[in-house]
C-alpha atoms as a PDB file:
ATOM      1  CA  MET A   1      -7.891  -4.801 -17.746  1.00  0.00           C
ATOM      2  CA  ASN A   2      -5.070  -4.538 -15.228  1.00  0.00           C
ATOM      3  CA  VAL A   3      -4.862  -1.827 -12.590  1.00  0.00           C
ATOM      4  CA  GLU A   4      -1.554  -0.616 -11.169  1.00  0.00           C
ATOM      5  CA  ILE A   5      -1.773   1.886  -8.349  1.00  0.00           C
ATOM      6  CA  MET A   6       1.444   3.882  -8.106  1.00  0.00           C
ATOM      7  CA  ILE A   7       2.557   4.987  -4.646  1.00  0.00           C
ATOM      8  CA  TYR A   8       5.468   7.406  -4.174  1.00  0.00           C
ATOM      9  CA  VAL A   9       7.459   6.923  -0.972  1.00  0.00           C
ATOM     10  CA  ASN A  10      10.900   7.636   0.448  1.00  0.00           C
ATOM     11  CA  ASN A  11      11.703   3.959   0.995  1.00  0.00           C
ATOM     12  CA  GLU A  12      10.084   1.857  -1.707  1.00  0.00           C
ATOM     13  CA  ILE A  13      11.537  -1.453  -0.523  1.00  0.00           C
ATOM     14  CA  GLU A  14      10.400  -1.259   3.108  1.00  0.00           C
ATOM     15  CA  ASN A  15       6.944   0.088   2.230  1.00  0.00           C
ATOM     16  CA  ALA A  16       6.388  -2.678  -0.341  1.00  0.00           C
ATOM     17  CA  LYS A  17       7.420  -5.300   2.224  1.00  0.00           C
ATOM     18  CA  PHE A  18       5.081  -3.716   4.802  1.00  0.00           C
ATOM     19  CA  PHE A  19       2.116  -4.014   2.440  1.00  0.00           C
ATOM     20  CA  GLN A  20       3.062  -7.565   1.472  1.00  0.00           C
ATOM     21  CA  GLN A  21       3.092  -8.563   5.150  1.00  0.00           C
ATOM     22  CA  ALA A  22      -0.196  -6.735   5.727  1.00  0.00           C
ATOM     23  CA  LEU A  23      -2.146  -7.796   2.631  1.00  0.00           C
ATOM     24  CA  GLY A  24      -0.288 -10.761   1.164  1.00  0.00           C
ATOM     25  CA  GLY A  25       0.454 -11.035  -2.516  1.00  0.00           C
ATOM     26  CA  PHE A  26       3.532 -11.602  -4.641  1.00  0.00           C
ATOM     27  CA  LEU A  27       6.353  -9.022  -4.569  1.00  0.00           C
ATOM     28  CA  ASN A  28       8.427  -8.307  -7.684  1.00  0.00           C
ATOM     29  CA  GLU A  29      11.555  -6.118  -7.600  1.00  0.00           C
ATOM     30  CA  GLU A  30      12.944  -4.331 -10.652  1.00  0.00           C
ATOM     31  CA  ALA A  31      16.052  -2.094 -10.778  1.00  0.00           C
ATOM     32  CA  MET A  32      15.564   1.427 -12.117  1.00  0.00           C
ATOM     33  CA  PHE A  33      18.171   3.542 -13.937  1.00  0.00           C
ATOM     34  CA  ASP A  34      18.834   5.675 -10.832  1.00  0.00           C
ATOM     35  CA  GLU A  35      19.600   2.581  -8.704  1.00  0.00           C
ATOM     36  CA  SER A  36      16.239   2.773  -6.927  1.00  0.00           C
ATOM     37  CA  LYS A  37      13.797  -0.116  -7.183  1.00  0.00           C
ATOM     38  CA  LYS A  38      10.370  -0.464  -8.732  1.00  0.00           C
ATOM     39  CA  MET A  39       8.579  -2.688  -6.241  1.00  0.00           C
ATOM     40  CA  THR A  40       5.375  -4.267  -7.561  1.00  0.00           C
ATOM     41  CA  LEU A  41       3.047  -6.024  -5.143  1.00  0.00           C
ATOM     42  CA  ILE A  42       0.601  -8.174  -7.101  1.00  0.00           C
ATOM     43  CA  LEU A  43      -2.541  -8.494  -4.996  1.00  0.00           C
ATOM     44  CA  GLU A  44      -4.901 -10.048  -7.539  1.00  0.00           C
ATOM     45  CA  ASP A  45      -4.515 -11.177 -11.130  1.00  0.00           C
ATOM     46  CA  SER A  46      -5.337  -7.678 -12.324  1.00  0.00           C
ATOM     47  CA  VAL A  47      -4.499  -5.418  -9.343  1.00  0.00           C
ATOM     48  CA  SER A  48      -1.040  -4.327  -8.229  1.00  0.00           C
ATOM     49  CA  LEU A  49       0.495  -1.707  -5.966  1.00  0.00           C
ATOM     50  CA  VAL A  50       3.642  -0.226  -7.497  1.00  0.00           C
ATOM     51  CA  PHE A  51       6.031   1.564  -5.143  1.00  0.00           C
ATOM     52  CA  PHE A  52       8.473   4.131  -6.517  1.00  0.00           C
ATOM     53  CA  LYS A  53      11.066   6.154  -4.665  1.00  0.00           C
ATOM     54  CA  ARG A  54      10.017   9.820  -4.519  1.00  0.00           C
ATOM     55  CA  SER A  55      13.435  10.962  -5.800  1.00  0.00           C
ATOM     56  CA  PHE A  56      12.949   8.855  -8.946  1.00  0.00           C
ATOM     57  CA  ILE A  57       9.542  10.430  -9.616  1.00  0.00           C
ATOM     58  CA  GLU A  58      11.062  13.894  -9.055  1.00  0.00           C
ATOM     59  CA  GLN A  59      13.431  13.151 -11.950  1.00  0.00           C
ATOM     60  CA  VAL A  60      11.041  11.602 -14.440  1.00  0.00           C
ATOM     61  CA  SER A  61       7.620  13.062 -13.671  1.00  0.00           C
ATOM     62  CA  PRO A  62       7.681  15.802 -11.012  1.00  0.00           C
ATOM     63  CA  GLU A  63       4.180  17.048 -11.903  1.00  0.00           C
ATOM     64  CA  VAL A  64       2.597  13.927 -10.369  1.00  0.00           C
ATOM     65  CA  LEU A  65       4.768  13.671  -7.263  1.00  0.00           C
ATOM     66  CA  ASN A  66       2.263  15.180  -4.842  1.00  0.00           C
ATOM     67  CA  ASN A  67      -0.764  13.358  -6.224  1.00  0.00           C
ATOM     68  CA  SER A  68      -1.632  10.881  -3.526  1.00  0.00           C
ATOM     69  CA  PRO A  69      -4.513   8.467  -3.941  1.00  0.00           C
ATOM     70  CA  SER A  70      -6.936   7.621  -1.199  1.00  0.00           C
ATOM     71  CA  LEU A  71      -6.957   3.838  -1.099  1.00  0.00           C
ATOM     72  CA  LEU A  72      -9.690   1.663   0.356  1.00  0.00           C
ATOM     73  CA  PHE A  73      -8.969  -2.065   0.375  1.00  0.00           C
ATOM     74  CA  GLN A  74     -11.955  -4.428   0.491  1.00  0.00           C
ATOM     75  CA  VAL A  75     -11.144  -7.756   2.149  1.00  0.00           C
ATOM     76  CA  ASP A  76     -13.038 -10.872   3.181  1.00  0.00           C
ATOM     77  CA  ASN A  77     -10.989 -11.476   6.328  1.00  0.00           C
ATOM     78  CA  VAL A  78     -11.005  -8.050   7.990  1.00  0.00           C
ATOM     79  CA  GLU A  79     -10.114  -9.318  11.481  1.00  0.00           C
ATOM     80  CA  GLU A  80      -7.113 -11.277  10.200  1.00  0.00           C
ATOM     81  CA  VAL A  81      -5.834  -8.280   8.207  1.00  0.00           C
ATOM     82  CA  TYR A  82      -6.438  -6.030  11.220  1.00  0.00           C
ATOM     83  CA  GLN A  83      -4.294  -8.252  13.457  1.00  0.00           C
ATOM     84  CA  ARG A  84      -1.495  -8.502  10.871  1.00  0.00           C
ATOM     85  CA  ILE A  85      -1.322  -4.727  10.439  1.00  0.00           C
ATOM     86  CA  LYS A  86      -1.585  -4.128  14.188  1.00  0.00           C
ATOM     87  CA  ASN A  87       1.440  -6.420  14.673  1.00  0.00           C
ATOM     88  CA  LEU A  88       3.374  -4.447  12.042  1.00  0.00           C
ATOM     89  CA  ASN A  89       2.395  -0.922  12.996  1.00  0.00           C
ATOM     90  CA  GLN A  90       0.886   0.633  16.083  1.00  0.00           C
ATOM     91  CA  ASN A  91      -0.614   3.537  14.126  1.00  0.00           C
ATOM     92  CA  ILE A  92      -3.970   1.885  13.523  1.00  0.00           C
ATOM     93  CA  SER A  93      -7.533   2.789  14.460  1.00  0.00           C
ATOM     94  CA  GLU A  94      -9.906   0.538  16.329  1.00  0.00           C
ATOM     95  CA  LEU A  95     -11.914  -1.934  14.305  1.00  0.00           C
ATOM     96  CA  SER A  96     -15.352  -0.339  14.016  1.00  0.00           C
ATOM     97  CA  ASN A  97     -18.652  -0.726  12.186  1.00  0.00           C
ATOM     98  CA  ILE A  98     -19.962   1.435   9.379  1.00  0.00           C
ATOM     99  CA  GLU A  99     -23.482   0.316   8.641  1.00  0.00           C
ATOM    100  CA  SER A 100     -23.112  -3.473   8.397  1.00  0.00           C
ATOM    101  CA  LYS A 101     -19.383  -3.618   7.563  1.00  0.00           C
ATOM    102  CA  ARG A 102     -16.310  -3.597   9.798  1.00  0.00           C
ATOM    103  CA  THR A 103     -13.574  -1.130   8.929  1.00  0.00           C
ATOM    104  CA  PHE A 104     -10.364   0.489  10.158  1.00  0.00           C
ATOM    105  CA  ASN A 105      -7.676   2.963   9.104  1.00  0.00           C
ATOM    106  CA  PHE A 106      -3.910   2.638   9.357  1.00  0.00           C
ATOM    107  CA  SER A 107      -0.755   4.367   8.242  1.00  0.00           C
ATOM    108  CA  ASP A 108       2.219   2.936   6.418  1.00  0.00           C
ATOM    109  CA  LEU A 109       5.824   3.427   7.509  1.00  0.00           C
ATOM    110  CA  GLU A 110       5.808   7.016   6.194  1.00  0.00           C
ATOM    111  CA  ASN A 111       2.483   8.064   7.773  1.00  0.00           C
ATOM    112  CA  ASN A 112       0.386   7.808   4.625  1.00  0.00           C
ATOM    113  CA  TYR A 113      -3.130   6.706   5.578  1.00  0.00           C
ATOM    114  CA  TYR A 114      -5.213   3.895   4.108  1.00  0.00           C
ATOM    115  CA  ALA A 115      -8.497   2.194   4.932  1.00  0.00           C
ATOM    116  CA  ILE A 116      -9.684  -1.398   5.050  1.00  0.00           C
ATOM    117  CA  ILE A 117     -13.338  -2.430   4.859  1.00  0.00           C
ATOM    118  CA  GLU A 118     -15.038  -5.793   4.914  1.00  0.00           C
ATOM    119  CA  LYS A 119     -16.489  -7.011   1.603  1.00  0.00           C
END
């Protein structure tokens, strides 16, 4: 099974690059019929983030446009990821502990919030 998580943003290219710098992975770019790009960030063999421009989704599937997932990324190297995201974006919480795991929250370039927790 493969999982693609679709994220609707105003600037699909910059947001995809932000997440690639923050989380790693392989970035694939595909042209869409409206001249926007479908940006797919492959994080694992079966997990990808797919970034679409909001205006494209308004045309093809407006009923899902305002559905925004709450994403929690589990990583082995939480401190390394924390430092990478902190260097990219100042809108980041402090690294804290929840029970026995370290965690933090951050926003992307369009102020959508995500969370990272240690595996």
